[in-house]
Amino acid sequence: MESEDITTYVGLGSNLGDRASNLLLAVRGLMEASFTVCKLSAIYETEPFGIPDGEEHAPYLNMVAEIKVKNISPSQMMARMLRIEYLLGRRDKNLKKPRTADLDLLLYGDHQCDTEFLTLPHPRMHERRFVLVPLAELEPHARHPILNRTVQEILQSCADDSMVKRWNPISVKWNAERVK
């Protein structure tokens, strides 16, 4: 008997180099890793979250991908995502460091786990607007399996007030040319 498709959500982010190209390469990496990418949110420019005082980080570009998987465990999926990060130049997996690519497994159906390798749902997604805004764009009624609240409900009560704005590459280019 063949197993059913499982709907998963992956957060993607970049704040080093050509951030938009890094996101596109990460999406391509997800497809090459045999994941079925169904939907992509818009790209959002976001403030770095939780950076220690005195450290400067470039703004991030973030988005969320809806992915269908079949016959792959959450750990196998995470291992493939880590390989994509590595192939895109990420060597330091420490939190709060600038990165070319950051892929986070946010939700894997209603699966829950807490191991050294992987925690599902993502343990901090409910605290981060840069995750919740693009996730709510894709699926506002998705339920957090532990909090038993929808993504939209979580977003409305999220204490994070950091900037999350839809990225517009045309206005970025236009503003850069105006400054010259």
N, C-alpha and C. Protein backbone atom coordinates (compact mmCIF):
# COMPACT_ATOMS: atom_id res chain seq x y z
N MET A 1 0.83 -1.18 0.00
CA MET A 1 0.00 0.00 0.00
C MET A 1 0.88 1.25 0.00
N GLU A 2 0.55 2.22 -0.83
CA GLU A 2 1.34 3.44 -0.95
C GLU A 2 0.88 4.46 0.08
N SER A 3 1.83 5.17 0.67
CA SER A 3 1.48 6.17 1.68
C SER A 3 0.95 7.43 1.03
N GLU A 4 0.26 8.24 1.83
CA GLU A 4 -0.30 9.50 1.36
C GLU A 4 0.75 10.59 1.32
N ASP A 5 0.45 11.63 0.50
CA ASP A 5 1.28 12.82 0.52
C ASP A 5 1.12 13.52 1.87
N ILE A 6 2.20 14.05 2.37
CA ILE A 6 2.18 14.85 3.60
C ILE A 6 2.53 16.27 3.21
N THR A 7 1.73 17.22 3.69
CA THR A 7 1.99 18.63 3.43
C THR A 7 2.95 19.16 4.48
N THR A 8 4.03 19.75 4.01
CA THR A 8 5.04 20.32 4.89
C THR A 8 5.25 21.78 4.51
N TYR A 9 5.81 22.53 5.45
CA TYR A 9 6.14 23.93 5.19
C TYR A 9 7.58 24.17 5.59
N VAL A 10 8.32 24.82 4.68
CA VAL A 10 9.74 25.09 4.89
C VAL A 10 9.96 26.61 4.82
N GLY A 11 10.62 27.14 5.83
CA GLY A 11 11.01 28.55 5.82
C GLY A 11 12.37 28.67 5.16
N LEU A 12 12.52 29.68 4.30
CA LEU A 12 13.79 29.92 3.60
C LEU A 12 14.22 31.35 3.89
N GLY A 13 15.51 31.54 4.12
CA GLY A 13 16.03 32.88 4.39
C GLY A 13 17.45 33.03 3.90
N SER A 14 17.83 34.29 3.64
CA SER A 14 19.20 34.61 3.22
C SER A 14 19.49 36.06 3.56
N ASN A 15 20.72 36.32 4.06
CA ASN A 15 21.13 37.72 4.25
C ASN A 15 22.59 37.95 3.85
N LEU A 16 23.16 37.04 3.08
CA LEU A 16 24.52 37.21 2.57
C LEU A 16 24.52 37.07 1.05
N GLY A 17 25.32 37.89 0.39
CA GLY A 17 25.46 37.79 -1.06
C GLY A 17 24.19 38.23 -1.77
N ASP A 18 23.92 37.61 -2.91
CA ASP A 18 22.72 37.90 -3.68
C ASP A 18 21.57 37.13 -3.05
N ARG A 19 20.90 37.79 -2.13
CA ARG A 19 19.89 37.12 -1.30
C ARG A 19 18.77 36.49 -2.12
N ALA A 20 18.27 37.19 -3.12
CA ALA A 20 17.18 36.66 -3.94
C ALA A 20 17.63 35.43 -4.73
N SER A 21 18.83 35.49 -5.30
CA SER A 21 19.36 34.33 -6.03
C SER A 21 19.55 33.15 -5.09
N ASN A 22 20.00 33.42 -3.87
CA ASN A 22 20.17 32.34 -2.89
C ASN A 22 18.83 31.65 -2.61
N LEU A 23 17.75 32.43 -2.50
CA LEU A 23 16.43 31.82 -2.27
C LEU A 23 16.01 30.98 -3.46
N LEU A 24 16.21 31.50 -4.67
CA LEU A 24 15.87 30.74 -5.87
C LEU A 24 16.67 29.44 -5.95
N LEU A 25 17.95 29.53 -5.64
CA LEU A 25 18.78 28.32 -5.66
C LEU A 25 18.34 27.32 -4.60
N ALA A 26 17.89 27.82 -3.46
CA ALA A 26 17.39 26.93 -2.40
C ALA A 26 16.11 26.22 -2.86
N VAL A 27 15.21 26.96 -3.52
CA VAL A 27 13.98 26.34 -4.05
C VAL A 27 14.35 25.29 -5.09
N ARG A 28 15.28 25.62 -5.97
CA ARG A 28 15.73 24.65 -6.97
C ARG A 28 16.33 23.42 -6.28
N GLY A 29 17.10 23.65 -5.21
CA GLY A 29 17.67 22.53 -4.46
C GLY A 29 16.58 21.64 -3.86
N LEU A 30 15.50 22.25 -3.38
CA LEU A 30 14.39 21.46 -2.84
C LEU A 30 13.78 20.57 -3.92
N MET A 31 13.62 21.13 -5.12
CA MET A 31 13.06 20.34 -6.23
C MET A 31 14.03 19.23 -6.64
N GLU A 32 15.32 19.55 -6.68
CA GLU A 32 16.31 18.53 -7.06
C GLU A 32 16.45 17.45 -6.00
N ALA A 33 16.03 17.76 -4.76
CA ALA A 33 16.06 16.76 -3.68
C ALA A 33 14.80 15.90 -3.69
N SER A 34 14.05 15.97 -4.78
CA SER A 34 12.84 15.15 -5.01
C SER A 34 11.66 15.57 -4.14
N PHE A 35 11.61 16.83 -3.75
CA PHE A 35 10.44 17.36 -3.05
C PHE A 35 9.51 17.99 -4.09
N THR A 36 8.21 17.87 -3.87
CA THR A 36 7.24 18.51 -4.75
C THR A 36 6.89 19.88 -4.16
N VAL A 37 7.45 20.92 -4.75
CA VAL A 37 7.18 22.28 -4.30
C VAL A 37 5.85 22.70 -4.92
N CYS A 38 4.84 22.91 -4.09
CA CYS A 38 3.48 23.23 -4.57
C CYS A 38 3.23 24.72 -4.64
N LYS A 39 3.62 25.44 -3.61
CA LYS A 39 3.36 26.88 -3.56
C LYS A 39 4.54 27.58 -2.89
N LEU A 40 4.75 28.82 -3.31
CA LEU A 40 5.76 29.68 -2.69
C LEU A 40 5.08 30.97 -2.27
N SER A 41 5.44 31.45 -1.09
CA SER A 41 4.94 32.76 -0.67
C SER A 41 5.69 33.83 -1.44
N ALA A 42 5.25 35.06 -1.27
CA ALA A 42 6.03 36.19 -1.74
C ALA A 42 7.33 36.23 -0.93
N ILE A 43 8.26 37.02 -1.39
CA ILE A 43 9.51 37.22 -0.66
C ILE A 43 9.34 38.46 0.21
N TYR A 44 9.80 38.37 1.44
CA TYR A 44 9.69 39.47 2.40
C TYR A 44 11.06 39.89 2.86
N GLU A 45 11.26 41.19 2.98
CA GLU A 45 12.50 41.70 3.58
C GLU A 45 12.22 41.89 5.06
N THR A 46 13.13 41.39 5.88
CA THR A 46 12.88 41.36 7.32
C THR A 46 14.11 41.80 8.09
N GLU A 47 13.85 42.33 9.27
CA GLU A 47 14.94 42.69 10.18
C GLU A 47 15.54 41.40 10.74
N PRO A 48 16.85 41.40 10.98
CA PRO A 48 17.43 40.26 11.70
C PRO A 48 16.75 40.13 13.07
N PHE A 49 16.46 38.91 13.47
CA PHE A 49 15.71 38.65 14.69
C PHE A 49 16.64 38.19 15.79
N GLY A 50 16.55 38.81 16.97
CA GLY A 50 17.27 38.34 18.15
C GLY A 50 18.78 38.47 18.06
N ILE A 51 19.27 39.49 17.37
CA ILE A 51 20.71 39.68 17.23
C ILE A 51 21.24 40.37 18.48
N PRO A 52 22.34 39.88 19.04
CA PRO A 52 22.91 40.51 20.24
C PRO A 52 23.29 41.98 19.98
N ASP A 53 23.15 42.82 21.00
CA ASP A 53 23.51 44.22 20.88
C ASP A 53 24.95 44.36 20.40
N GLY A 54 25.16 45.34 19.53
CA GLY A 54 26.50 45.60 19.02
C GLY A 54 26.83 44.87 17.74
N GLU A 55 26.03 43.88 17.37
CA GLU A 55 26.27 43.15 16.12
C GLU A 55 25.40 43.74 15.02
N GLU A 56 25.98 43.88 13.84
CA GLU A 56 25.24 44.38 12.67
C GLU A 56 25.04 43.22 11.70
N HIS A 57 23.83 43.08 11.22
CA HIS A 57 23.51 42.07 10.20
C HIS A 57 22.68 42.74 9.12
N ALA A 58 22.93 42.36 7.87
CA ALA A 58 22.13 42.86 6.76
C ALA A 58 20.70 42.32 6.89
N PRO A 59 19.72 43.03 6.34
CA PRO A 59 18.35 42.51 6.36
C PRO A 59 18.26 41.17 5.64
N TYR A 60 17.33 40.36 6.05
CA TYR A 60 17.09 39.07 5.42
C TYR A 60 16.03 39.19 4.34
N LEU A 61 16.09 38.28 3.40
CA LEU A 61 14.95 37.98 2.55
C LEU A 61 14.44 36.63 3.03
N ASN A 62 13.13 36.55 3.26
CA ASN A 62 12.51 35.32 3.76
C ASN A 62 11.29 34.97 2.92
N MET A 63 10.99 33.69 2.88
CA MET A 63 9.79 33.19 2.22
C MET A 63 9.47 31.82 2.81
N VAL A 64 8.32 31.28 2.45
CA VAL A 64 7.92 29.94 2.88
C VAL A 64 7.49 29.15 1.65
N ALA A 65 7.84 27.88 1.64
CA ALA A 65 7.44 26.96 0.57
C ALA A 65 6.53 25.88 1.14
N GLU A 66 5.45 25.60 0.41
CA GLU A 66 4.61 24.45 0.73
C GLU A 66 5.11 23.29 -0.11
N ILE A 67 5.41 22.18 0.55
CA ILE A 67 6.01 21.04 -0.12
C ILE A 67 5.22 19.78 0.24
N LYS A 68 4.98 18.96 -0.76
CA LYS A 68 4.35 17.65 -0.53
C LYS A 68 5.45 16.60 -0.57
N VAL A 69 5.42 15.70 0.40
CA VAL A 69 6.39 14.60 0.43
C VAL A 69 5.63 13.29 0.57
N LYS A 70 6.29 12.24 0.11
CA LYS A 70 5.74 10.90 0.23
C LYS A 70 6.90 9.95 0.50
N ASN A 71 6.70 9.05 1.44
CA ASN A 71 7.71 8.02 1.76
C ASN A 71 9.05 8.62 2.17
N ILE A 72 9.01 9.72 2.90
CA ILE A 72 10.24 10.31 3.44
C ILE A 72 9.94 10.77 4.87
N SER A 73 10.82 10.44 5.78
CA SER A 73 10.62 10.83 7.17
C SER A 73 11.02 12.28 7.38
N PRO A 74 10.56 12.89 8.46
CA PRO A 74 10.98 14.26 8.76
C PRO A 74 12.51 14.38 8.88
N SER A 75 13.17 13.39 9.47
CA SER A 75 14.63 13.43 9.61
C SER A 75 15.32 13.35 8.26
N GLN A 76 14.80 12.52 7.36
CA GLN A 76 15.37 12.44 6.01
C GLN A 76 15.19 13.77 5.28
N MET A 77 14.03 14.38 5.46
CA MET A 77 13.77 15.67 4.83
C MET A 77 14.75 16.72 5.36
N MET A 78 14.93 16.74 6.67
CA MET A 78 15.85 17.71 7.27
C MET A 78 17.28 17.48 6.79
N ALA A 79 17.69 16.24 6.67
CA ALA A 79 19.04 15.94 6.19
C ALA A 79 19.25 16.48 4.78
N ARG A 80 18.25 16.32 3.93
CA ARG A 80 18.35 16.86 2.56
C ARG A 80 18.42 18.39 2.58
N MET A 81 17.66 19.00 3.47
CA MET A 81 17.68 20.46 3.57
C MET A 81 19.05 20.96 4.06
N LEU A 82 19.64 20.26 4.99
CA LEU A 82 20.98 20.64 5.47
C LEU A 82 22.01 20.54 4.34
N ARG A 83 21.85 19.54 3.51
CA ARG A 83 22.76 19.40 2.36
C ARG A 83 22.60 20.58 1.40
N ILE A 84 21.37 21.02 1.18
CA ILE A 84 21.13 22.18 0.31
C ILE A 84 21.83 23.41 0.91
N GLU A 85 21.68 23.63 2.20
CA GLU A 85 22.35 24.76 2.86
C GLU A 85 23.86 24.68 2.64
N TYR A 86 24.41 23.49 2.82
CA TYR A 86 25.85 23.30 2.65
C TYR A 86 26.28 23.61 1.22
N LEU A 87 25.52 23.10 0.26
CA LEU A 87 25.85 23.33 -1.15
C LEU A 87 25.76 24.81 -1.53
N LEU A 88 24.95 25.56 -0.80
CA LEU A 88 24.82 26.99 -1.05
C LEU A 88 25.78 27.83 -0.20
N GLY A 89 26.72 27.16 0.44
CA GLY A 89 27.80 27.89 1.12
C GLY A 89 27.66 28.06 2.61
N ARG A 90 26.65 27.50 3.22
CA ARG A 90 26.51 27.65 4.67
C ARG A 90 27.39 26.63 5.38
N ARG A 91 28.32 27.14 6.17
CA ARG A 91 29.22 26.26 6.91
C ARG A 91 28.98 26.35 8.42
N ASP A 92 28.52 27.49 8.89
CA ASP A 92 28.33 27.72 10.32
C ASP A 92 26.85 27.58 10.63
N LYS A 93 26.47 26.54 11.34
CA LYS A 93 25.06 26.28 11.66
C LYS A 93 24.64 26.96 12.97
N ASN A 94 25.52 27.79 13.55
CA ASN A 94 25.16 28.49 14.77
C ASN A 94 24.00 29.43 14.52
N LEU A 95 23.15 29.56 15.52
CA LEU A 95 22.04 30.50 15.42
C LEU A 95 22.57 31.93 15.41
N LYS A 96 21.81 32.80 14.82
CA LYS A 96 22.08 34.24 14.84
C LYS A 96 23.36 34.64 14.11
N LYS A 97 23.76 33.86 13.12
CA LYS A 97 24.91 34.21 12.28
C LYS A 97 24.39 34.53 10.88
N PRO A 98 25.02 35.49 10.18
CA PRO A 98 24.63 35.74 8.79
C PRO A 98 24.78 34.46 7.97
N ARG A 99 23.94 34.32 6.94
CA ARG A 99 23.98 33.08 6.16
C ARG A 99 23.53 33.28 4.72
N THR A 100 24.12 32.49 3.85
CA THR A 100 23.70 32.52 2.44
C THR A 100 22.34 31.85 2.30
N ALA A 101 22.12 30.79 3.05
CA ALA A 101 20.85 30.07 2.97
C ALA A 101 20.53 29.43 4.31
N ASP A 102 19.29 29.58 4.71
CA ASP A 102 18.80 28.98 5.94
C ASP A 102 17.47 28.32 5.60
N LEU A 103 17.38 27.02 5.79
CA LEU A 103 16.14 26.28 5.53
C LEU A 103 15.68 25.66 6.84
N ASP A 104 14.45 25.95 7.21
CA ASP A 104 13.88 25.42 8.45
C ASP A 104 12.62 24.64 8.15
N LEU A 105 12.54 23.44 8.65
CA LEU A 105 11.33 22.64 8.55
C LEU A 105 10.37 23.13 9.63
N LEU A 106 9.32 23.81 9.21
CA LEU A 106 8.39 24.45 10.14
C LEU A 106 7.31 23.48 10.61
N LEU A 107 6.63 22.87 9.65
CA LEU A 107 5.55 21.92 9.92
C LEU A 107 5.70 20.73 8.99
N TYR A 108 5.46 19.56 9.51
CA TYR A 108 5.47 18.32 8.73
C TYR A 108 4.15 17.64 9.04
N GLY A 109 3.11 18.02 8.28
CA GLY A 109 1.76 17.56 8.61
C GLY A 109 1.46 17.96 10.05
N ASP A 110 0.90 17.03 10.82
CA ASP A 110 0.67 17.32 12.24
C ASP A 110 1.67 16.56 13.12
N HIS A 111 2.76 16.14 12.49
CA HIS A 111 3.80 15.37 13.18
C HIS A 111 4.47 16.19 14.27
N GLN A 112 4.78 15.54 15.38
CA GLN A 112 5.52 16.16 16.47
C GLN A 112 6.71 15.29 16.82
N CYS A 113 7.85 15.91 17.03
CA CYS A 113 9.01 15.17 17.51
C CYS A 113 9.96 16.15 18.19
N ASP A 114 10.80 15.62 19.05
CA ASP A 114 11.79 16.43 19.74
C ASP A 114 13.02 15.56 19.96
N THR A 115 13.97 15.66 19.02
CA THR A 115 15.20 14.90 19.10
C THR A 115 16.37 15.89 19.04
N GLU A 116 17.58 15.39 19.20
CA GLU A 116 18.76 16.25 19.05
C GLU A 116 18.85 16.83 17.66
N PHE A 117 18.38 16.08 16.68
CA PHE A 117 18.50 16.47 15.27
C PHE A 117 17.37 17.37 14.80
N LEU A 118 16.16 17.18 15.33
CA LEU A 118 14.99 17.86 14.78
C LEU A 118 13.90 18.00 15.83
N THR A 119 13.29 19.19 15.86
CA THR A 119 12.12 19.44 16.69
C THR A 119 11.00 19.91 15.77
N LEU A 120 9.84 19.24 15.88
CA LEU A 120 8.67 19.60 15.09
C LEU A 120 7.46 19.71 16.00
N PRO A 121 6.62 20.72 15.75
CA PRO A 121 6.84 21.81 14.82
C PRO A 121 8.05 22.63 15.24
N HIS A 122 8.51 23.49 14.33
CA HIS A 122 9.69 24.31 14.64
C HIS A 122 9.45 25.00 15.98
N PRO A 123 10.41 24.89 16.90
CA PRO A 123 10.17 25.34 18.28
C PRO A 123 9.98 26.84 18.47
N ARG A 124 10.39 27.66 17.50
CA ARG A 124 10.27 29.11 17.68
C ARG A 124 9.42 29.78 16.60
N MET A 125 8.79 29.00 15.75
CA MET A 125 8.04 29.61 14.64
C MET A 125 6.92 30.52 15.13
N HIS A 126 6.30 30.18 16.25
CA HIS A 126 5.18 30.97 16.76
C HIS A 126 5.61 32.33 17.34
N GLU A 127 6.92 32.53 17.47
CA GLU A 127 7.46 33.78 18.02
C GLU A 127 8.00 34.72 16.95
N ARG A 128 7.94 34.33 15.69
CA ARG A 128 8.66 35.05 14.63
C ARG A 128 7.75 35.48 13.50
N ARG A 129 7.58 36.78 13.36
CA ARG A 129 6.75 37.32 12.27
C ARG A 129 7.33 36.98 10.91
N PHE A 130 8.67 36.91 10.79
CA PHE A 130 9.27 36.63 9.48
C PHE A 130 8.93 35.23 8.99
N VAL A 131 8.47 34.37 9.88
CA VAL A 131 7.98 33.04 9.50
C VAL A 131 6.46 33.07 9.34
N LEU A 132 5.78 33.69 10.28
CA LEU A 132 4.32 33.66 10.31
C LEU A 132 3.67 34.42 9.16
N VAL A 133 4.25 35.57 8.77
CA VAL A 133 3.63 36.36 7.70
C VAL A 133 3.61 35.57 6.38
N PRO A 134 4.75 35.05 5.89
CA PRO A 134 4.67 34.28 4.63
C PRO A 134 3.90 32.96 4.78
N LEU A 135 3.95 32.34 5.95
CA LEU A 135 3.19 31.11 6.16
C LEU A 135 1.69 31.40 6.13
N ALA A 136 1.28 32.50 6.75
CA ALA A 136 -0.14 32.88 6.74
C ALA A 136 -0.60 33.23 5.33
N GLU A 137 0.30 33.77 4.52
CA GLU A 137 -0.04 34.05 3.11
C GLU A 137 -0.39 32.75 2.38
N LEU A 138 0.39 31.70 2.64
CA LEU A 138 0.15 30.42 1.96
C LEU A 138 -1.03 29.65 2.55
N GLU A 139 -1.07 29.56 3.86
CA GLU A 139 -2.08 28.72 4.50
C GLU A 139 -2.44 29.27 5.89
N PRO A 140 -3.30 30.31 5.93
CA PRO A 140 -3.63 30.93 7.22
C PRO A 140 -4.36 29.99 8.18
N HIS A 141 -4.98 28.94 7.64
CA HIS A 141 -5.76 28.03 8.48
C HIS A 141 -5.01 26.78 8.90
N ALA A 142 -3.72 26.70 8.53
CA ALA A 142 -2.91 25.57 9.00
C ALA A 142 -2.86 25.61 10.53
N ARG A 143 -2.96 24.45 11.14
CA ARG A 143 -2.98 24.38 12.60
C ARG A 143 -1.61 23.98 13.15
N HIS A 144 -1.22 24.69 14.17
CA HIS A 144 -0.01 24.33 14.91
C HIS A 144 -0.39 23.13 15.78
N PRO A 145 0.27 21.98 15.61
CA PRO A 145 -0.19 20.77 16.29
C PRO A 145 -0.03 20.77 17.82
N ILE A 146 0.77 21.66 18.36
CA ILE A 146 0.91 21.73 19.82
C ILE A 146 0.04 22.84 20.40
N LEU A 147 0.09 24.01 19.79
CA LEU A 147 -0.69 25.15 20.28
C LEU A 147 -2.16 25.04 19.93
N ASN A 148 -2.49 24.19 18.95
CA ASN A 148 -3.85 23.99 18.47
C ASN A 148 -4.53 25.31 18.09
N ARG A 149 -3.75 26.16 17.43
CA ARG A 149 -4.25 27.44 16.92
C ARG A 149 -3.82 27.54 15.47
N THR A 150 -4.59 28.32 14.68
CA THR A 150 -4.21 28.49 13.29
C THR A 150 -3.03 29.46 13.19
N VAL A 151 -2.36 29.41 12.06
CA VAL A 151 -1.24 30.32 11.81
C VAL A 151 -1.73 31.76 11.91
N GLN A 152 -2.91 32.05 11.37
CA GLN A 152 -3.45 33.42 11.42
C GLN A 152 -3.69 33.86 12.87
N GLU A 153 -4.22 32.98 13.69
CA GLU A 153 -4.45 33.32 15.10
C GLU A 153 -3.12 33.57 15.82
N ILE A 154 -2.14 32.75 15.53
CA ILE A 154 -0.82 32.93 16.15
C ILE A 154 -0.21 34.25 15.71
N LEU A 155 -0.29 34.56 14.43
CA LEU A 155 0.25 35.81 13.91
C LEU A 155 -0.41 37.01 14.59
N GLN A 156 -1.71 36.98 14.75
CA GLN A 156 -2.44 38.11 15.35
C GLN A 156 -2.02 38.36 16.79
N SER A 157 -1.57 37.34 17.49
CA SER A 157 -1.18 37.52 18.89
C SER A 157 0.33 37.50 19.11
N CYS A 158 1.09 37.48 18.02
CA CYS A 158 2.56 37.39 18.11
C CYS A 158 3.13 38.68 18.70
N ALA A 159 3.99 38.56 19.69
CA ALA A 159 4.59 39.72 20.36
C ALA A 159 5.72 40.35 19.53
N ASP A 160 6.25 39.63 18.57
CA ASP A 160 7.33 40.14 17.72
C ASP A 160 6.81 41.32 16.90
N ASP A 161 7.48 42.46 17.01
CA ASP A 161 7.04 43.63 16.24
C ASP A 161 8.09 44.05 15.20
N SER A 162 8.97 43.12 14.85
CA SER A 162 10.02 43.45 13.88
C SER A 162 9.42 43.66 12.49
N MET A 163 10.16 44.41 11.67
CA MET A 163 9.71 44.78 10.33
C MET A 163 9.70 43.55 9.42
N VAL A 164 8.56 43.34 8.76
CA VAL A 164 8.40 42.31 7.74
C VAL A 164 7.61 42.97 6.63
N LYS A 165 8.29 43.27 5.51
CA LYS A 165 7.59 43.93 4.41
C LYS A 165 7.84 43.16 3.12
N ARG A 166 6.81 43.16 2.29
CA ARG A 166 6.92 42.47 1.00
C ARG A 166 8.05 43.10 0.20
N TRP A 167 8.95 42.27 -0.32
CA TRP A 167 10.12 42.75 -1.04
C TRP A 167 9.75 43.05 -2.47
N ASN A 168 10.20 44.19 -2.94
CA ASN A 168 9.94 44.59 -4.31
C ASN A 168 11.29 44.93 -4.96
N PRO A 169 11.85 44.03 -5.75
CA PRO A 169 13.18 44.27 -6.32
C PRO A 169 13.22 45.46 -7.26
N ILE A 170 12.11 45.80 -7.87
CA ILE A 170 12.09 46.94 -8.79
C ILE A 170 12.27 48.24 -8.02
N SER A 171 11.59 48.39 -6.88
CA SER A 171 11.74 49.62 -6.11
C SER A 171 13.12 49.70 -5.48
N VAL A 172 13.71 48.56 -5.13
CA VAL A 172 15.07 48.55 -4.58
C VAL A 172 16.03 49.08 -5.63
N LYS A 173 15.91 48.59 -6.86
CA LYS A 173 16.79 49.03 -7.94
C LYS A 173 16.55 50.51 -8.25
N TRP A 174 15.28 50.91 -8.31
CA TRP A 174 14.95 52.30 -8.62
C TRP A 174 15.52 53.23 -7.56
N ASN A 175 15.37 52.88 -6.27
CA ASN A 175 15.90 53.72 -5.19
C ASN A 175 17.42 53.78 -5.24
N ALA A 176 18.07 52.68 -5.56
CA ALA A 176 19.54 52.67 -5.65
C ALA A 176 20.00 53.58 -6.78
N GLU A 177 19.28 53.57 -7.91
CA GLU A 177 19.66 54.41 -9.04
C GLU A 177 19.40 55.88 -8.73
N ARG A 178 18.38 56.18 -7.96
CA ARG A 178 18.06 57.55 -7.57
C ARG A 178 19.14 58.16 -6.71
N VAL A 179 19.75 57.34 -5.86
CA VAL A 179 20.77 57.82 -4.92
C VAL A 179 22.06 58.20 -5.65
N LYS A 180 22.34 57.55 -6.77
CA LYS A 180 23.60 57.79 -7.52
C LYS A 180 23.75 59.23 -7.95
